[in-house]
Amino acid sequence: MQRGAWLAVVGWPVLGMVALAEAGVDMEGTFLVPDTGGQTLAVLAALIGGIDVVVVGPGARVSGAEQRWLLARARHYGTTILSPEGWEGACLRLPVHDGTRGGPDRGAGYPREARLSVVRRSAADGASRRFTLERDRSGRVSLLGGHTHRPAVRGLDASASVM
């Protein structure tokens, strides 16, 4: 994310400011909305257009029709929506297929390192690309290569989406 960009995290109460700061997020333009009070659609609609990146956490539930409406609104305003869940109409999906983490108690309580096998699936070009992300103890994230292939059938089951 570019310095000076605005970020909002909605519906993710366990994700706090300390974790975001340790991940390198500029806290000056960061907002947390851990609970929308049952007004998730209204909260997301209000943020889109005024915030550069909106992270929709697992606690922020919206229907498929609402997801499509929010995506159209985000595209109109140039807002990026990120979600750990699959969204209908997402242009890019990044499901994690395998992962390991390390740290005290093998990372169960406080992960210090991680290695994730990810597949990039694009609705725009139908291509898939498998790659590995690695986070070391210092917090540095590295991309460890990958390969691209075009599937015969374009199925887009996903666990993370970028809109």
N, C-alpha and C. Protein backbone atom coordinates (compact mmCIF):
# COMPACT_ATOMS: atom_id res chain seq x y z
N MET A 1 0.83 -1.17 0.00
CA MET A 1 0.00 0.00 0.00
C MET A 1 0.89 1.24 0.00
N GLN A 2 0.51 2.24 -0.74
CA GLN A 2 1.31 3.45 -0.83
C GLN A 2 1.20 4.28 0.44
N ARG A 3 2.28 4.94 0.78
CA ARG A 3 2.27 5.83 1.95
C ARG A 3 1.24 6.93 1.71
N GLY A 4 0.47 7.22 2.73
CA GLY A 4 -0.56 8.24 2.63
C GLY A 4 -1.91 7.70 2.19
N ALA A 5 -1.97 6.42 1.82
CA ALA A 5 -3.25 5.82 1.44
C ALA A 5 -4.07 5.53 2.70
N TRP A 6 -5.38 5.53 2.55
CA TRP A 6 -6.30 5.27 3.66
C TRP A 6 -6.72 3.81 3.63
N LEU A 7 -6.77 3.18 4.82
CA LEU A 7 -7.11 1.78 4.97
C LEU A 7 -8.19 1.64 6.05
N ALA A 8 -9.19 0.82 5.77
CA ALA A 8 -10.19 0.49 6.78
C ALA A 8 -10.30 -1.03 6.88
N VAL A 9 -10.35 -1.55 8.09
CA VAL A 9 -10.53 -2.97 8.34
C VAL A 9 -11.88 -3.11 9.04
N VAL A 10 -12.80 -3.83 8.39
CA VAL A 10 -14.17 -3.94 8.88
C VAL A 10 -14.48 -5.40 9.24
N GLY A 11 -15.06 -5.61 10.42
CA GLY A 11 -15.52 -6.94 10.78
C GLY A 11 -14.43 -7.94 11.10
N TRP A 12 -13.34 -7.48 11.69
CA TRP A 12 -12.24 -8.37 12.05
C TRP A 12 -11.73 -7.99 13.44
N PRO A 13 -12.51 -8.30 14.49
CA PRO A 13 -12.18 -7.81 15.83
C PRO A 13 -10.86 -8.32 16.40
N VAL A 14 -10.38 -9.48 15.96
CA VAL A 14 -9.11 -9.99 16.50
C VAL A 14 -7.89 -9.38 15.83
N LEU A 15 -8.09 -8.64 14.74
CA LEU A 15 -6.98 -7.98 14.06
C LEU A 15 -6.86 -6.56 14.62
N GLY A 16 -5.78 -6.32 15.36
CA GLY A 16 -5.61 -5.04 16.04
C GLY A 16 -4.54 -4.17 15.43
N MET A 17 -4.43 -2.98 15.99
CA MET A 17 -3.47 -1.99 15.51
C MET A 17 -2.02 -2.47 15.67
N VAL A 18 -1.72 -3.17 16.76
CA VAL A 18 -0.34 -3.64 16.97
C VAL A 18 0.05 -4.62 15.87
N ALA A 19 -0.84 -5.56 15.54
CA ALA A 19 -0.55 -6.54 14.48
C ALA A 19 -0.36 -5.83 13.14
N LEU A 20 -1.19 -4.86 12.84
CA LEU A 20 -1.07 -4.12 11.58
C LEU A 20 0.25 -3.33 11.54
N ALA A 21 0.60 -2.69 12.64
CA ALA A 21 1.85 -1.92 12.69
C ALA A 21 3.06 -2.84 12.52
N GLU A 22 3.02 -4.02 13.16
CA GLU A 22 4.12 -4.98 13.01
C GLU A 22 4.23 -5.50 11.59
N ALA A 23 3.11 -5.51 10.85
CA ALA A 23 3.13 -5.95 9.46
C ALA A 23 3.57 -4.83 8.52
N GLY A 24 3.84 -3.64 9.07
CA GLY A 24 4.34 -2.54 8.26
C GLY A 24 3.28 -1.59 7.74
N VAL A 25 2.05 -1.69 8.25
CA VAL A 25 0.97 -0.80 7.80
C VAL A 25 1.17 0.58 8.41
N ASP A 26 1.03 1.62 7.60
CA ASP A 26 1.09 3.00 8.06
C ASP A 26 -0.18 3.27 8.87
N MET A 27 -0.04 3.46 10.18
CA MET A 27 -1.20 3.57 11.05
C MET A 27 -1.89 4.93 10.99
N GLU A 28 -1.25 5.92 10.38
CA GLU A 28 -1.81 7.26 10.36
C GLU A 28 -3.16 7.34 9.65
N GLY A 29 -3.34 6.58 8.60
CA GLY A 29 -4.60 6.61 7.85
C GLY A 29 -5.36 5.30 7.95
N THR A 30 -5.28 4.64 9.11
CA THR A 30 -5.91 3.32 9.28
C THR A 30 -7.06 3.40 10.27
N PHE A 31 -8.20 2.82 9.88
CA PHE A 31 -9.39 2.77 10.72
C PHE A 31 -9.77 1.33 10.97
N LEU A 32 -10.18 1.02 12.19
CA LEU A 32 -10.69 -0.29 12.52
C LEU A 32 -12.16 -0.18 12.88
N VAL A 33 -12.98 -1.03 12.26
CA VAL A 33 -14.40 -1.13 12.58
C VAL A 33 -14.64 -2.60 12.93
N PRO A 34 -14.33 -2.99 14.18
CA PRO A 34 -14.42 -4.41 14.54
C PRO A 34 -15.83 -4.98 14.47
N ASP A 35 -16.84 -4.15 14.74
CA ASP A 35 -18.24 -4.61 14.74
C ASP A 35 -19.09 -3.53 14.09
N THR A 36 -19.87 -3.91 13.10
CA THR A 36 -20.69 -2.94 12.37
C THR A 36 -22.06 -2.74 13.00
N GLY A 37 -22.34 -3.42 14.08
CA GLY A 37 -23.63 -3.26 14.75
C GLY A 37 -24.80 -3.68 13.88
N GLY A 38 -24.59 -4.68 13.03
CA GLY A 38 -25.65 -5.15 12.15
C GLY A 38 -25.88 -4.28 10.92
N GLN A 39 -25.01 -3.32 10.69
CA GLN A 39 -25.14 -2.40 9.56
C GLN A 39 -23.98 -2.55 8.58
N THR A 40 -23.59 -3.78 8.30
CA THR A 40 -22.40 -4.04 7.48
C THR A 40 -22.49 -3.39 6.11
N LEU A 41 -23.60 -3.55 5.41
CA LEU A 41 -23.74 -2.97 4.07
C LEU A 41 -23.60 -1.46 4.12
N ALA A 42 -24.25 -0.81 5.07
CA ALA A 42 -24.19 0.65 5.18
C ALA A 42 -22.78 1.12 5.51
N VAL A 43 -22.10 0.41 6.41
CA VAL A 43 -20.73 0.78 6.78
C VAL A 43 -19.80 0.66 5.58
N LEU A 44 -19.86 -0.48 4.88
CA LEU A 44 -18.99 -0.68 3.72
C LEU A 44 -19.29 0.34 2.62
N ALA A 45 -20.56 0.60 2.36
CA ALA A 45 -20.93 1.58 1.32
C ALA A 45 -20.41 2.96 1.66
N ALA A 46 -20.44 3.32 2.94
CA ALA A 46 -19.94 4.64 3.36
C ALA A 46 -18.43 4.75 3.21
N LEU A 47 -17.71 3.66 3.48
CA LEU A 47 -16.25 3.68 3.39
C LEU A 47 -15.76 3.70 1.95
N ILE A 48 -16.45 2.97 1.07
CA ILE A 48 -16.05 2.91 -0.34
C ILE A 48 -16.24 4.29 -0.95
N GLY A 49 -15.21 4.78 -1.56
CA GLY A 49 -15.24 6.11 -2.15
C GLY A 49 -14.44 7.11 -1.34
N GLY A 50 -14.32 6.86 -0.04
CA GLY A 50 -13.54 7.75 0.80
C GLY A 50 -12.26 7.09 1.30
N ILE A 51 -12.17 5.79 1.15
CA ILE A 51 -11.03 5.01 1.63
C ILE A 51 -10.40 4.29 0.43
N ASP A 52 -9.07 4.24 0.38
CA ASP A 52 -8.38 3.60 -0.74
C ASP A 52 -8.51 2.08 -0.73
N VAL A 53 -8.34 1.47 0.45
CA VAL A 53 -8.39 0.02 0.58
C VAL A 53 -9.31 -0.33 1.75
N VAL A 54 -10.31 -1.18 1.47
CA VAL A 54 -11.23 -1.65 2.51
C VAL A 54 -11.04 -3.15 2.66
N VAL A 55 -10.64 -3.58 3.86
CA VAL A 55 -10.49 -4.99 4.16
C VAL A 55 -11.79 -5.45 4.82
N VAL A 56 -12.44 -6.43 4.20
CA VAL A 56 -13.71 -6.95 4.70
C VAL A 56 -13.40 -8.26 5.43
N GLY A 57 -13.43 -8.21 6.75
CA GLY A 57 -13.08 -9.36 7.57
C GLY A 57 -14.17 -10.40 7.64
N PRO A 58 -13.86 -11.53 8.27
CA PRO A 58 -14.82 -12.63 8.34
C PRO A 58 -16.09 -12.31 9.12
N GLY A 59 -16.07 -11.28 9.96
CA GLY A 59 -17.26 -10.90 10.71
C GLY A 59 -18.17 -9.95 9.97
N ALA A 60 -17.79 -9.52 8.79
CA ALA A 60 -18.59 -8.58 7.99
C ALA A 60 -19.29 -9.35 6.88
N ARG A 61 -20.46 -9.86 7.18
CA ARG A 61 -21.20 -10.71 6.23
C ARG A 61 -22.13 -9.87 5.35
N VAL A 62 -22.05 -10.11 4.04
CA VAL A 62 -22.99 -9.51 3.09
C VAL A 62 -23.38 -10.58 2.08
N SER A 63 -24.56 -10.46 1.51
CA SER A 63 -25.06 -11.44 0.55
C SER A 63 -24.32 -11.32 -0.78
N GLY A 64 -24.52 -12.30 -1.65
CA GLY A 64 -23.92 -12.26 -2.99
C GLY A 64 -24.34 -11.02 -3.77
N ALA A 65 -25.63 -10.67 -3.71
CA ALA A 65 -26.12 -9.48 -4.41
C ALA A 65 -25.48 -8.22 -3.84
N GLU A 66 -25.33 -8.17 -2.52
CA GLU A 66 -24.68 -7.00 -1.89
C GLU A 66 -23.20 -6.94 -2.25
N GLN A 67 -22.54 -8.10 -2.35
CA GLN A 67 -21.14 -8.13 -2.77
C GLN A 67 -20.99 -7.54 -4.17
N ARG A 68 -21.86 -7.96 -5.09
CA ARG A 68 -21.77 -7.44 -6.46
C ARG A 68 -22.01 -5.93 -6.50
N TRP A 69 -22.97 -5.44 -5.70
CA TRP A 69 -23.26 -4.01 -5.65
C TRP A 69 -22.06 -3.24 -5.08
N LEU A 70 -21.47 -3.76 -4.01
CA LEU A 70 -20.30 -3.12 -3.41
C LEU A 70 -19.10 -3.12 -4.36
N LEU A 71 -18.92 -4.21 -5.11
CA LEU A 71 -17.84 -4.27 -6.10
C LEU A 71 -18.02 -3.21 -7.19
N ALA A 72 -19.25 -3.06 -7.67
CA ALA A 72 -19.52 -2.03 -8.69
C ALA A 72 -19.23 -0.64 -8.14
N ARG A 73 -19.63 -0.40 -6.90
CA ARG A 73 -19.37 0.89 -6.26
C ARG A 73 -17.86 1.11 -6.09
N ALA A 74 -17.15 0.06 -5.67
CA ALA A 74 -15.70 0.17 -5.48
C ALA A 74 -15.00 0.46 -6.80
N ARG A 75 -15.41 -0.21 -7.86
CA ARG A 75 -14.80 0.04 -9.18
C ARG A 75 -15.05 1.48 -9.62
N HIS A 76 -16.25 1.99 -9.37
CA HIS A 76 -16.60 3.37 -9.74
C HIS A 76 -15.70 4.37 -9.01
N TYR A 77 -15.44 4.14 -7.73
CA TYR A 77 -14.67 5.08 -6.93
C TYR A 77 -13.17 4.77 -6.88
N GLY A 78 -12.75 3.63 -7.45
CA GLY A 78 -11.33 3.28 -7.43
C GLY A 78 -10.86 2.73 -6.09
N THR A 79 -11.76 2.18 -5.32
CA THR A 79 -11.43 1.58 -4.03
C THR A 79 -11.12 0.10 -4.23
N THR A 80 -10.12 -0.39 -3.53
CA THR A 80 -9.78 -1.81 -3.55
C THR A 80 -10.42 -2.48 -2.35
N ILE A 81 -11.10 -3.60 -2.58
CA ILE A 81 -11.67 -4.40 -1.51
C ILE A 81 -10.85 -5.68 -1.40
N LEU A 82 -10.43 -5.99 -0.17
CA LEU A 82 -9.72 -7.23 0.11
C LEU A 82 -10.54 -8.05 1.10
N SER A 83 -10.61 -9.35 0.89
CA SER A 83 -11.37 -10.21 1.79
C SER A 83 -10.71 -11.57 1.88
N PRO A 84 -10.67 -12.17 3.09
CA PRO A 84 -10.15 -13.52 3.20
C PRO A 84 -11.15 -14.56 2.70
N GLU A 85 -12.35 -14.14 2.39
CA GLU A 85 -13.41 -15.02 1.91
C GLU A 85 -13.59 -14.80 0.40
N GLY A 86 -14.13 -15.78 -0.31
CA GLY A 86 -14.42 -15.60 -1.72
C GLY A 86 -15.60 -14.66 -1.91
N TRP A 87 -15.51 -13.76 -2.87
CA TRP A 87 -16.60 -12.82 -3.18
C TRP A 87 -17.07 -13.05 -4.59
N GLU A 88 -18.38 -13.01 -4.80
CA GLU A 88 -18.95 -13.11 -6.14
C GLU A 88 -18.51 -11.91 -6.96
N GLY A 89 -17.98 -12.16 -8.16
CA GLY A 89 -17.58 -11.07 -9.04
C GLY A 89 -16.16 -10.58 -8.83
N ALA A 90 -15.41 -11.18 -7.93
CA ALA A 90 -14.03 -10.75 -7.69
C ALA A 90 -13.20 -10.97 -8.94
N CYS A 91 -12.32 -10.02 -9.25
CA CYS A 91 -11.48 -10.17 -10.45
C CYS A 91 -10.22 -10.98 -10.18
N LEU A 92 -9.84 -11.13 -8.91
CA LEU A 92 -8.63 -11.86 -8.59
C LEU A 92 -8.86 -12.63 -7.30
N ARG A 93 -8.48 -13.89 -7.31
CA ARG A 93 -8.61 -14.74 -6.12
C ARG A 93 -7.26 -15.33 -5.78
N LEU A 94 -6.97 -15.41 -4.49
CA LEU A 94 -5.68 -15.89 -4.02
C LEU A 94 -5.88 -16.95 -2.93
N PRO A 95 -6.37 -18.13 -3.29
CA PRO A 95 -6.55 -19.16 -2.26
C PRO A 95 -5.21 -19.73 -1.78
N VAL A 96 -5.11 -19.94 -0.48
CA VAL A 96 -3.93 -20.56 0.11
C VAL A 96 -4.18 -22.06 0.17
N HIS A 97 -3.28 -22.86 -0.46
CA HIS A 97 -3.46 -24.30 -0.52
C HIS A 97 -2.73 -25.03 0.60
N ASP A 98 -1.57 -24.59 0.94
CA ASP A 98 -0.79 -25.19 2.01
C ASP A 98 -0.11 -24.07 2.77
N GLY A 99 0.13 -24.30 4.04
CA GLY A 99 0.84 -23.29 4.80
C GLY A 99 1.45 -23.87 6.06
N THR A 100 2.56 -23.29 6.44
CA THR A 100 3.20 -23.63 7.70
C THR A 100 3.54 -22.33 8.40
N ARG A 101 3.55 -22.36 9.71
CA ARG A 101 3.93 -21.18 10.46
C ARG A 101 4.80 -21.60 11.62
N GLY A 102 5.61 -20.69 12.11
CA GLY A 102 6.52 -21.00 13.18
C GLY A 102 6.59 -19.89 14.19
N GLY A 103 7.14 -20.21 15.32
CA GLY A 103 7.25 -19.27 16.42
C GLY A 103 7.02 -20.04 17.71
N PRO A 104 6.76 -19.34 18.80
CA PRO A 104 6.47 -20.04 20.05
C PRO A 104 5.31 -21.01 19.87
N ASP A 105 5.46 -22.21 20.34
CA ASP A 105 4.43 -23.26 20.22
C ASP A 105 4.03 -23.47 18.75
N ARG A 106 5.04 -23.48 17.86
CA ARG A 106 4.86 -23.65 16.41
C ARG A 106 3.94 -22.60 15.80
N GLY A 107 3.92 -21.41 16.39
CA GLY A 107 3.13 -20.32 15.85
C GLY A 107 1.68 -20.35 16.25
N ALA A 108 1.30 -21.24 17.18
CA ALA A 108 -0.11 -21.37 17.56
C ALA A 108 -0.66 -20.08 18.18
N GLY A 109 0.14 -19.40 18.97
CA GLY A 109 -0.35 -18.20 19.62
C GLY A 109 0.20 -16.92 19.03
N TYR A 110 1.43 -16.97 18.55
CA TYR A 110 2.09 -15.76 18.07
C TYR A 110 3.04 -16.12 16.94
N PRO A 111 2.51 -16.26 15.72
CA PRO A 111 3.36 -16.68 14.60
C PRO A 111 4.47 -15.66 14.31
N ARG A 112 5.67 -16.15 14.11
CA ARG A 112 6.81 -15.29 13.78
C ARG A 112 7.26 -15.50 12.34
N GLU A 113 7.09 -16.71 11.82
CA GLU A 113 7.43 -16.98 10.43
C GLU A 113 6.25 -17.72 9.79
N ALA A 114 6.18 -17.62 8.48
CA ALA A 114 5.12 -18.34 7.76
C ALA A 114 5.57 -18.64 6.35
N ARG A 115 5.06 -19.72 5.79
CA ARG A 115 5.32 -20.09 4.40
C ARG A 115 3.98 -20.56 3.83
N LEU A 116 3.50 -19.87 2.79
CA LEU A 116 2.19 -20.15 2.21
C LEU A 116 2.30 -20.49 0.74
N SER A 117 1.61 -21.53 0.32
CA SER A 117 1.51 -21.89 -1.09
C SER A 117 0.18 -21.31 -1.60
N VAL A 118 0.28 -20.39 -2.55
CA VAL A 118 -0.87 -19.61 -3.02
C VAL A 118 -1.07 -19.84 -4.52
N VAL A 119 -2.33 -19.84 -4.96
CA VAL A 119 -2.64 -19.90 -6.39
C VAL A 119 -3.38 -18.62 -6.76
N ARG A 120 -2.84 -17.88 -7.72
CA ARG A 120 -3.49 -16.67 -8.22
C ARG A 120 -4.43 -17.09 -9.33
N ARG A 121 -5.70 -16.73 -9.20
CA ARG A 121 -6.68 -17.03 -10.25
C ARG A 121 -7.31 -15.73 -10.70
N SER A 122 -7.19 -15.44 -11.98
CA SER A 122 -7.68 -14.19 -12.54
C SER A 122 -8.93 -14.43 -13.37
N ALA A 123 -9.99 -13.70 -13.06
CA ALA A 123 -11.21 -13.77 -13.86
C ALA A 123 -11.00 -13.08 -15.20
N ALA A 124 -10.04 -12.16 -15.26
CA ALA A 124 -9.81 -11.39 -16.48
C ALA A 124 -9.16 -12.23 -17.58
N ASP A 125 -8.16 -13.03 -17.22
CA ASP A 125 -7.45 -13.77 -18.26
C ASP A 125 -7.53 -15.29 -18.11
N GLY A 126 -8.15 -15.79 -17.03
CA GLY A 126 -8.31 -17.22 -16.85
C GLY A 126 -7.05 -17.96 -16.46
N ALA A 127 -5.94 -17.25 -16.35
CA ALA A 127 -4.68 -17.91 -16.02
C ALA A 127 -4.56 -18.13 -14.51
N SER A 128 -3.89 -19.21 -14.14
CA SER A 128 -3.58 -19.48 -12.74
C SER A 128 -2.08 -19.46 -12.58
N ARG A 129 -1.62 -18.98 -11.45
CA ARG A 129 -0.19 -18.96 -11.16
C ARG A 129 0.01 -19.40 -9.72
N ARG A 130 0.78 -20.43 -9.52
CA ARG A 130 1.09 -20.92 -8.17
C ARG A 130 2.42 -20.29 -7.74
N PHE A 131 2.44 -19.79 -6.51
CA PHE A 131 3.67 -19.22 -5.97
C PHE A 131 3.70 -19.42 -4.46
N THR A 132 4.85 -19.17 -3.87
CA THR A 132 5.03 -19.32 -2.44
C THR A 132 5.44 -17.99 -1.84
N LEU A 133 4.80 -17.64 -0.73
CA LEU A 133 5.17 -16.46 0.03
C LEU A 133 5.81 -16.92 1.33
N GLU A 134 6.89 -16.25 1.71
CA GLU A 134 7.57 -16.60 2.95
C GLU A 134 7.79 -15.35 3.78
N ARG A 135 7.42 -15.42 5.05
CA ARG A 135 7.67 -14.32 5.99
C ARG A 135 8.68 -14.80 7.00
N ASP A 136 9.82 -14.08 7.12
CA ASP A 136 10.85 -14.50 8.07
C ASP A 136 10.63 -13.83 9.43
N ARG A 137 11.48 -14.16 10.39
CA ARG A 137 11.34 -13.63 11.76
C ARG A 137 11.38 -12.11 11.82
N SER A 138 12.05 -11.47 10.88
CA SER A 138 12.15 -10.01 10.90
C SER A 138 10.89 -9.36 10.34
N GLY A 139 9.98 -10.16 9.75
CA GLY A 139 8.75 -9.62 9.18
C GLY A 139 8.83 -9.39 7.68
N ARG A 140 10.00 -9.62 7.08
CA ARG A 140 10.17 -9.43 5.64
C ARG A 140 9.45 -10.55 4.89
N VAL A 141 8.68 -10.17 3.88
CA VAL A 141 7.95 -11.14 3.06
C VAL A 141 8.65 -11.27 1.71
N SER A 142 8.88 -12.52 1.29
CA SER A 142 9.55 -12.79 0.02
C SER A 142 8.66 -13.64 -0.87
N LEU A 143 8.73 -13.38 -2.16
CA LEU A 143 8.04 -14.18 -3.17
C LEU A 143 9.04 -15.21 -3.67
N LEU A 144 8.67 -16.50 -3.59
CA LEU A 144 9.59 -17.57 -3.93
C LEU A 144 9.19 -18.28 -5.22
N GLY A 145 9.10 -17.55 -6.30
CA GLY A 145 8.87 -18.13 -7.62
C GLY A 145 7.50 -18.74 -7.81
N GLY A 146 7.32 -19.28 -8.99
CA GLY A 146 6.05 -19.89 -9.32
C GLY A 146 5.97 -20.19 -10.80
N HIS A 147 4.84 -20.73 -11.22
CA HIS A 147 4.62 -21.01 -12.63
C HIS A 147 3.17 -20.71 -12.99
N THR A 148 2.95 -20.43 -14.26
CA THR A 148 1.63 -20.06 -14.75
C THR A 148 1.08 -21.15 -15.64
N HIS A 149 -0.21 -21.41 -15.52
CA HIS A 149 -0.87 -22.34 -16.44
C HIS A 149 -2.31 -21.88 -16.64
N ARG A 150 -2.86 -22.22 -17.78
CA ARG A 150 -4.25 -21.88 -18.09
C ARG A 150 -5.09 -23.15 -17.92
N PRO A 151 -6.07 -23.10 -17.03
CA PRO A 151 -6.89 -24.30 -16.80
C PRO A 151 -7.81 -24.58 -17.98
N ALA A 152 -8.12 -25.85 -18.16
CA ALA A 152 -9.07 -26.23 -19.21
C ALA A 152 -10.47 -25.77 -18.85
N VAL A 153 -10.80 -25.81 -17.56
CA VAL A 153 -12.10 -25.36 -17.06
C VAL A 153 -11.83 -24.25 -16.06
N ARG A 154 -12.54 -23.13 -16.21
CA ARG A 154 -12.30 -22.00 -15.34
C ARG A 154 -13.20 -22.06 -14.11
N GLY A 155 -12.82 -22.87 -13.13
CA GLY A 155 -13.52 -22.90 -11.85
C GLY A 155 -12.79 -21.97 -10.89
N LEU A 156 -13.51 -21.14 -10.17
CA LEU A 156 -12.86 -20.17 -9.30
C LEU A 156 -13.31 -20.34 -7.85
N ASP A 157 -13.03 -21.50 -7.27
CA ASP A 157 -13.29 -21.67 -5.85
C ASP A 157 -12.14 -20.98 -5.13
N ALA A 158 -12.45 -20.17 -4.13
CA ALA A 158 -11.39 -19.39 -3.51
C ALA A 158 -11.65 -19.16 -2.04
N SER A 159 -10.57 -18.84 -1.35
CA SER A 159 -10.69 -18.49 0.06
C SER A 159 -10.27 -17.05 0.31
N ALA A 160 -9.75 -16.36 -0.69
CA ALA A 160 -9.41 -14.95 -0.54
C ALA A 160 -9.67 -14.28 -1.88
N SER A 161 -10.10 -13.04 -1.81
CA SER A 161 -10.43 -12.33 -3.04
C SER A 161 -9.89 -10.91 -3.00
N VAL A 162 -9.50 -10.42 -4.14
CA VAL A 162 -9.10 -9.04 -4.33
C VAL A 162 -10.02 -8.47 -5.38
N MET A 163 -10.65 -7.38 -5.09
CA MET A 163 -11.61 -6.83 -6.02
C MET A 163 -11.12 -5.51 -6.58
